[in-house]
Amino acid sequence: MLGDAVLLPSRIRLDKPVITPDSATRDFWKEWGKQAPDVEAINVAVEALRSQTRPKAA
């Protein structure tokens, strides 16, 4: 998702693709699964999401 109408950060949910990426250079599913999450970055993102408010209707 991208564009001027998308608030950042935004929470979205994606389904795992039926046709998985077929890269000849990396196995992304294995690489992403091996990398430890950056807990501090996650905490910052969660706090940013929590601090969002909806615009009030005019």
Protein backbone atom coordinates (compact mmCIF):
# COMPACT_ATOMS: atom_id res chain seq x y z
CA MET A 1 0.00 0.00 0.00
CA LEU A 2 1.31 3.39 -0.89
CA GLY A 3 0.17 6.79 -1.87
CA ASP A 4 -0.86 10.11 -0.39
CA ALA A 5 -4.11 8.72 1.02
CA VAL A 6 -2.37 6.08 3.17
CA LEU A 7 -1.65 7.11 6.75
CA LEU A 8 1.71 5.98 8.03
CA PRO A 9 2.20 3.87 9.98
CA SER A 10 -0.82 1.82 8.96
CA ARG A 11 -1.96 -1.58 10.08
CA ILE A 12 -2.78 -3.96 7.25
CA ARG A 13 -3.26 -7.70 7.00
CA LEU A 14 -2.03 -9.69 4.02
CA ASP A 15 -2.75 -13.30 3.17
CA LYS A 16 0.19 -15.51 2.33
CA PRO A 17 0.40 -15.53 -1.47
CA VAL A 18 -0.95 -18.55 -3.32
CA ILE A 19 1.93 -18.23 -5.75
CA THR A 20 4.99 -17.66 -3.58
CA PRO A 21 7.90 -15.50 -4.72
CA ASP A 22 10.26 -17.46 -6.95
CA SER A 23 13.53 -15.63 -6.51
CA ALA A 24 16.67 -17.28 -7.78
CA THR A 25 18.85 -15.31 -5.35
CA ARG A 26 17.23 -15.78 -1.93
CA ASP A 27 14.65 -17.91 -0.20
CA PHE A 28 12.78 -15.00 1.38
CA TRP A 29 10.48 -17.09 3.58
CA LYS A 30 13.46 -18.83 5.21
CA GLU A 31 15.54 -15.63 5.46
CA TRP A 32 12.72 -13.64 7.08
CA GLY A 33 12.01 -16.51 9.45
CA LYS A 34 15.63 -16.69 10.65
CA GLN A 35 16.11 -12.99 11.38
CA ALA A 36 15.33 -11.95 14.95
CA PRO A 37 12.83 -9.09 15.22
CA ASP A 38 14.04 -5.64 16.24
CA VAL A 39 12.08 -5.34 19.48
CA GLU A 40 12.78 -1.61 19.89
CA ALA A 41 11.55 -0.88 16.35
CA ILE A 42 8.41 -2.92 17.05
CA ASN A 43 7.78 -0.99 20.28
CA VAL A 44 8.17 2.34 18.47
CA ALA A 45 5.78 1.21 15.71
CA VAL A 46 3.17 -0.03 18.21
CA GLU A 47 3.28 3.25 20.13
CA ALA A 48 2.92 5.18 16.87
CA LEU A 49 -0.16 3.12 15.98
CA ARG A 50 -1.65 3.62 19.44
CA SER A 51 -1.20 7.37 19.27
CA GLN A 52 -3.13 7.69 15.99
CA THR A 53 -6.54 9.29 16.10
CA ARG A 54 -9.33 9.35 13.59
CA PRO A 55 -10.08 12.72 12.00
CA LYS A 56 -13.31 14.18 13.38
CA ALA A 57 -16.17 14.40 10.89
CA ALA A 58 -17.04 17.93 9.89
